[in-house]
């Protein structure tokens, strides 16, 4: 019986109630008869179909390559007892599939998307900013200082960065939004716009993709005009949301979360 008890905690943590009971009976019977203890393969984790963003380094890389946001969600769900299968989709498409039940969850959301599904705790914060070449010596202390400057912003920036910025964008004669954020980097480094508005990590990582003769060694100045923007996951099932939150706390405590950030972040 002593040998049986040694297996109790390990078996209890690994199996469903039915298999746990069968495993305990088998282990105890083997122990009483002096036979080798049976081995049991761990049950596979239940799969969740989760809508994730399109390629946006460092948050989402090409399918199969991970990314900072992808890996945080994947590890949090694994720690909570689920396996994430990612569907790389535009946000509007992922939201539509979620609402008709074809997805179990979706990343990179805020509660502003509406609906009756279950939102997680924030697992990451984007940091949007105004970015300019340091050689321009621009004085940008608030959003109003962007008036009179040519601006290249990411798609839907005017809808996402607050009412003051929306008003500026609506009335600005030289404001443009670009679906491909690499275009912003090209415009800035070639001197064709004064300011880029976007996430600073995205900007830095996309700069690596620019080719000569574009001089990417030019110094840039980052103006933190916008507050950090929290990102959450949303799930159709409250129990899955709770498991995600618990898993997120686990990877924060055990160092996995910090290791992922370190892997992808660069100094500001």
Protein backbone atom coordinates (compact mmCIF):
# COMPACT_ATOMS: atom_id res chain seq x y z
CA UNK A 1 0.00 0.00 0.00
CA UNK A 2 2.93 2.31 0.57
CA UNK A 3 3.92 1.92 -3.08
CA UNK A 4 0.33 2.60 -4.08
CA UNK A 5 0.22 5.84 -2.13
CA UNK A 6 3.38 7.06 -3.83
CA UNK A 7 1.52 7.04 -7.14
CA UNK A 8 -1.56 8.83 -5.87
CA UNK A 9 -0.61 12.47 -6.39
CA UNK A 10 0.98 11.90 -9.80
CA UNK A 11 -1.99 9.97 -11.14
CA UNK A 12 -4.53 12.42 -9.72
CA UNK A 13 -2.92 15.29 -11.61
CA UNK A 14 -2.66 13.53 -14.96
CA UNK A 15 -5.97 11.92 -15.74
CA UNK A 16 -9.69 12.54 -16.06
CA UNK A 17 -11.87 11.25 -13.17
CA UNK A 18 -12.71 7.99 -14.95
CA UNK A 19 -9.18 7.15 -16.03
CA UNK A 20 -7.87 8.36 -12.68
CA UNK A 21 -10.03 5.79 -10.90
CA UNK A 22 -8.93 2.99 -13.21
CA UNK A 23 -5.30 4.00 -12.84
CA UNK A 24 -5.48 4.02 -9.05
CA UNK A 25 -7.15 0.60 -8.93
CA UNK A 26 -4.53 -0.86 -11.26
CA UNK A 27 -1.65 0.71 -9.36
CA UNK A 28 -2.91 -0.47 -5.97
CA UNK A 29 -3.61 -3.98 -7.25
CA UNK A 30 -0.15 -4.23 -8.73
CA UNK A 31 1.37 -3.00 -5.49
CA UNK A 32 -0.45 -5.57 -3.36
CA UNK A 33 0.58 -8.40 -5.70
CA UNK A 34 4.19 -7.30 -5.85
CA UNK A 35 4.01 -6.63 -9.60
CA UNK A 36 5.62 -3.71 -11.48
CA UNK A 37 3.57 -0.55 -11.38
CA UNK A 38 1.62 0.07 -14.63
CA UNK A 39 2.47 3.10 -16.74
CA UNK A 40 -0.18 5.35 -18.27
CA UNK A 41 0.22 7.78 -21.14
CA UNK A 42 -0.87 11.32 -20.33
CA UNK A 43 -4.17 12.35 -21.88
CA UNK A 44 -3.84 14.82 -24.76
CA UNK A 45 -4.94 18.34 -23.96
CA UNK A 46 -8.33 19.39 -25.37
CA UNK A 47 -7.94 21.53 -28.48
CA UNK A 48 -9.18 25.09 -28.88
CA UNK A 49 -9.56 26.78 -32.24
CA UNK A 50 -8.40 30.35 -31.66
CA UNK A 51 -8.41 33.26 -34.09
CA UNK A 52 -5.10 35.11 -34.06
CA UNK A 53 -3.87 38.08 -36.03
CA UNK A 54 -2.22 38.21 -39.41
CA UNK A 55 1.54 38.69 -39.65
CA UNK A 56 2.57 41.59 -37.41
CA UNK A 57 6.08 41.12 -36.02
CA UNK A 58 7.00 40.75 -33.25
CA UNK A 59 3.48 39.94 -32.01
CA UNK A 60 2.55 37.46 -34.75
CA UNK A 61 5.08 35.99 -37.15
CA UNK A 62 4.33 33.85 -40.18
CA UNK A 63 2.12 30.80 -39.49
CA UNK A 64 4.10 28.23 -37.55
CA UNK A 65 6.78 30.70 -36.48
CA UNK A 66 5.14 31.98 -33.30
CA UNK A 67 5.59 35.56 -32.15
CA UNK A 68 5.44 37.30 -28.79
CA UNK A 69 1.65 37.53 -28.45
CA UNK A 70 1.12 34.12 -30.02
CA UNK A 71 3.49 32.41 -27.58
CA UNK A 72 2.08 34.13 -24.50
CA UNK A 73 -1.43 32.93 -25.37
CA UNK A 74 -0.23 29.46 -26.34
CA UNK A 75 1.70 28.97 -23.08
CA UNK A 76 -1.08 30.43 -20.92
CA UNK A 77 -3.63 28.06 -22.44
CA UNK A 78 -1.26 25.10 -22.08
CA UNK A 79 -0.73 25.95 -18.41
CA UNK A 80 -4.52 26.09 -18.07
CA UNK A 81 -4.97 22.67 -19.65
CA UNK A 82 -5.67 23.40 -23.33
CA UNK A 83 -3.84 23.22 -26.66
CA UNK A 84 -4.21 26.23 -28.93
CA UNK A 85 -4.65 25.68 -32.66
CA UNK A 86 -4.24 29.07 -34.32
CA UNK A 87 -6.29 30.36 -37.21
CA UNK A 88 -4.52 33.38 -38.75
CA UNK A 89 -7.37 35.67 -39.74
CA UNK A 90 -8.21 39.37 -40.13
CA UNK A 91 -9.89 40.58 -36.91
CA UNK A 92 -13.29 41.15 -38.53
CA UNK A 93 -13.30 37.62 -39.98
CA UNK A 94 -12.21 36.05 -36.69
CA UNK A 95 -14.92 37.93 -34.80
CA UNK A 96 -17.58 36.78 -37.25
CA UNK A 97 -16.48 33.14 -36.91
CA UNK A 98 -16.38 33.43 -33.13
CA UNK A 99 -19.93 34.74 -33.00
CA UNK A 100 -21.31 31.86 -35.07
CA UNK A 101 -19.44 29.27 -33.00
CA UNK A 102 -16.74 28.28 -35.51
CA UNK A 103 -13.98 29.49 -33.19
CA UNK A 104 -13.53 28.87 -29.47
CA UNK A 105 -11.70 32.13 -28.87
CA UNK A 106 -9.90 35.12 -30.33
CA UNK A 107 -6.80 37.11 -29.41
CA UNK A 108 -5.95 40.82 -29.53
CA UNK A 109 -9.30 42.23 -28.49
CA UNK A 110 -10.75 44.83 -26.17
CA UNK A 111 -14.18 44.70 -24.58
CA UNK A 112 -15.24 47.37 -27.05
CA UNK A 113 -15.90 44.68 -29.65
CA UNK A 114 -19.16 43.94 -27.81
CA UNK A 115 -20.96 40.63 -27.64
CA UNK A 116 -21.71 38.36 -24.70
CA UNK A 117 -18.53 36.28 -24.70
CA UNK A 118 -15.99 36.05 -21.89
CA UNK A 119 -12.96 38.35 -21.81
CA UNK A 120 -9.67 37.45 -20.18
CA UNK A 121 -7.41 39.61 -18.10
CA UNK A 122 -5.04 41.74 -20.21
CA UNK A 123 -2.09 39.59 -21.20
CA UNK A 124 -0.12 42.25 -23.09
CA UNK A 125 -0.03 45.99 -23.71
CA UNK A 126 0.73 47.57 -27.06
CA UNK A 127 2.54 50.90 -26.93
CA UNK A 128 1.65 53.20 -29.79
CA UNK A 129 3.69 56.34 -30.29
CA UNK A 130 4.63 59.03 -32.76
CA UNK A 131 8.01 58.28 -34.36
CA UNK A 132 10.21 60.73 -36.25
CA UNK A 133 13.78 60.99 -37.48
CA UNK A 134 15.88 62.58 -34.76
CA UNK A 135 17.54 64.80 -37.36
CA UNK A 136 14.26 66.68 -37.75
CA UNK A 137 14.49 67.98 -34.17
CA UNK A 138 10.71 68.00 -33.83
CA UNK A 139 9.07 69.15 -30.61
CA UNK A 140 6.08 66.87 -30.08
CA UNK A 141 4.65 66.96 -26.58
CA UNK A 142 1.02 66.16 -27.27
CA UNK A 143 -1.31 65.20 -30.10
CA UNK A 144 -1.98 68.81 -31.07
CA UNK A 145 1.71 69.19 -32.00
CA UNK A 146 1.12 66.82 -34.92
CA UNK A 147 -0.81 69.51 -36.77
CA UNK A 148 1.23 70.83 -39.67
CA UNK A 149 3.22 67.59 -39.97
CA UNK A 150 2.69 64.86 -42.55
CA UNK A 151 1.57 61.64 -40.82
CA UNK A 152 1.60 57.98 -41.84
CA UNK A 153 -0.45 55.84 -39.45
CA UNK A 154 -1.45 52.18 -39.27
CA UNK A 155 -4.84 51.13 -40.61
CA UNK A 156 -7.75 52.19 -38.35
CA UNK A 157 -5.47 54.24 -36.08
CA UNK A 158 -8.02 57.06 -36.13
CA UNK A 159 -10.60 54.66 -34.67
CA UNK A 160 -8.36 53.15 -32.01
CA UNK A 161 -6.24 55.94 -30.53
CA UNK A 162 -8.83 58.08 -28.80
CA UNK A 163 -11.17 60.92 -29.58
CA UNK A 164 -8.51 63.66 -29.75
CA UNK A 165 -6.51 61.76 -32.33
CA UNK A 166 -9.67 60.91 -34.30
CA UNK A 167 -10.55 64.61 -34.51
CA UNK A 168 -7.02 65.42 -35.68
CA UNK A 169 -7.11 62.70 -38.35
CA UNK A 170 -10.54 63.77 -39.62
CA UNK A 171 -9.41 67.34 -40.25
CA UNK A 172 -5.74 66.82 -41.17
CA UNK A 173 -4.91 67.47 -44.85
CA UNK A 174 -1.78 65.30 -44.84
CA UNK A 175 -2.82 62.28 -42.79
CA UNK A 176 -2.84 58.79 -44.33
CA UNK A 177 -3.37 55.25 -43.02
CA UNK A 178 -1.64 52.22 -44.53
CA UNK A 179 -2.70 48.56 -44.29
CA UNK A 180 0.92 47.43 -44.77
CA UNK A 181 2.87 48.93 -41.89
CA UNK A 182 6.18 48.37 -43.67
CA UNK A 183 5.11 51.24 -45.93
CA UNK A 184 5.25 53.59 -42.93
CA UNK A 185 8.87 52.68 -42.26
CA UNK A 186 9.83 53.28 -45.89
CA UNK A 187 8.13 56.66 -45.92
CA UNK A 188 9.84 57.79 -42.73
CA UNK A 189 13.38 56.67 -43.54
CA UNK A 190 13.19 58.16 -47.03
CA UNK A 191 11.99 61.50 -45.67
CA UNK A 192 8.62 61.41 -47.39
CA UNK A 193 6.63 61.87 -44.16
CA UNK A 194 7.43 63.71 -40.97
CA UNK A 195 5.89 61.29 -38.48
CA UNK A 196 4.83 57.67 -38.27
CA UNK A 197 2.15 56.63 -35.78
CA UNK A 198 2.24 53.02 -34.67
CA UNK A 199 3.45 50.48 -32.16
CA UNK A 200 7.14 51.00 -31.50
CA UNK A 201 8.00 47.29 -31.40
CA UNK A 202 6.27 46.70 -34.73
CA UNK A 203 8.20 49.64 -36.20
CA UNK A 204 11.56 48.34 -34.99
CA UNK A 205 10.99 44.82 -36.22
CA UNK A 206 9.73 45.89 -39.64
CA UNK A 207 12.77 48.12 -40.07
CA UNK A 208 14.82 44.93 -40.38
CA UNK A 209 13.00 44.17 -43.62
CA UNK A 210 14.01 47.39 -45.35
CA UNK A 211 16.73 47.01 -47.94
CA UNK A 212 19.42 49.30 -49.26
CA UNK A 213 19.63 52.02 -50.40
CA UNK A 214 17.28 52.97 -47.53
CA UNK A 215 19.42 54.11 -44.59
CA UNK A 216 17.92 52.44 -41.53
CA UNK A 217 20.82 53.53 -39.31
CA UNK A 218 19.31 56.99 -39.00
CA UNK A 219 18.43 57.76 -35.38
CA UNK A 220 14.77 57.98 -34.49
CA UNK A 221 12.94 59.72 -31.66
CA UNK A 222 9.90 58.09 -30.09
CA UNK A 223 7.21 60.40 -28.69
CA UNK A 224 4.92 58.50 -26.24
CA UNK A 225 1.71 60.39 -26.94
CA UNK A 226 -0.66 57.49 -26.31
CA UNK A 227 -1.34 55.38 -23.21
CA UNK A 228 -0.51 51.67 -23.25
CA UNK A 229 -3.26 49.72 -25.01
CA UNK A 230 -4.27 46.49 -23.22
CA UNK A 231 -4.94 43.36 -25.24
CA UNK A 232 -7.17 40.53 -24.06
CA UNK A 233 -8.42 37.20 -25.31
CA UNK A 234 -12.13 36.43 -25.61
CA UNK A 235 -13.65 32.96 -25.32
CA UNK A 236 -17.11 31.54 -25.86
CA UNK A 237 -16.81 29.45 -22.68
CA UNK A 238 -16.33 31.05 -19.27
CA UNK A 239 -14.46 28.00 -17.97
CA UNK A 240 -11.91 28.35 -20.76
CA UNK A 241 -11.53 32.05 -19.94
CA UNK A 242 -10.89 31.15 -16.30
CA UNK A 243 -8.35 28.50 -17.31
CA UNK A 244 -6.57 31.05 -19.52
CA UNK A 245 -6.41 33.57 -16.66
CA UNK A 246 -5.07 30.90 -14.28
CA UNK A 247 -2.52 29.78 -16.86
CA UNK A 248 -1.44 33.39 -17.41
CA UNK A 249 -0.74 33.77 -13.70
CA UNK A 250 1.21 30.52 -13.75
CA UNK A 251 3.53 31.58 -16.56
CA UNK A 252 4.04 34.98 -14.96
CA UNK A 253 5.16 33.27 -11.75
CA UNK A 254 7.37 30.60 -13.27
CA UNK A 255 9.30 32.96 -15.56
CA UNK A 256 7.94 31.75 -18.90
CA UNK A 257 6.14 35.05 -19.55
CA UNK A 258 9.26 37.12 -18.87
CA UNK A 259 11.36 34.88 -21.09
CA UNK A 260 8.95 35.40 -24.00
CA UNK A 261 9.08 39.19 -23.60
CA UNK A 262 12.88 39.12 -23.45
CA UNK A 263 13.02 37.01 -26.59
CA UNK A 264 11.13 39.55 -28.70
CA UNK A 265 11.57 42.96 -27.11
CA UNK A 266 14.26 45.45 -27.89
CA UNK A 267 15.34 48.58 -26.00
CA UNK A 268 13.11 51.57 -26.69
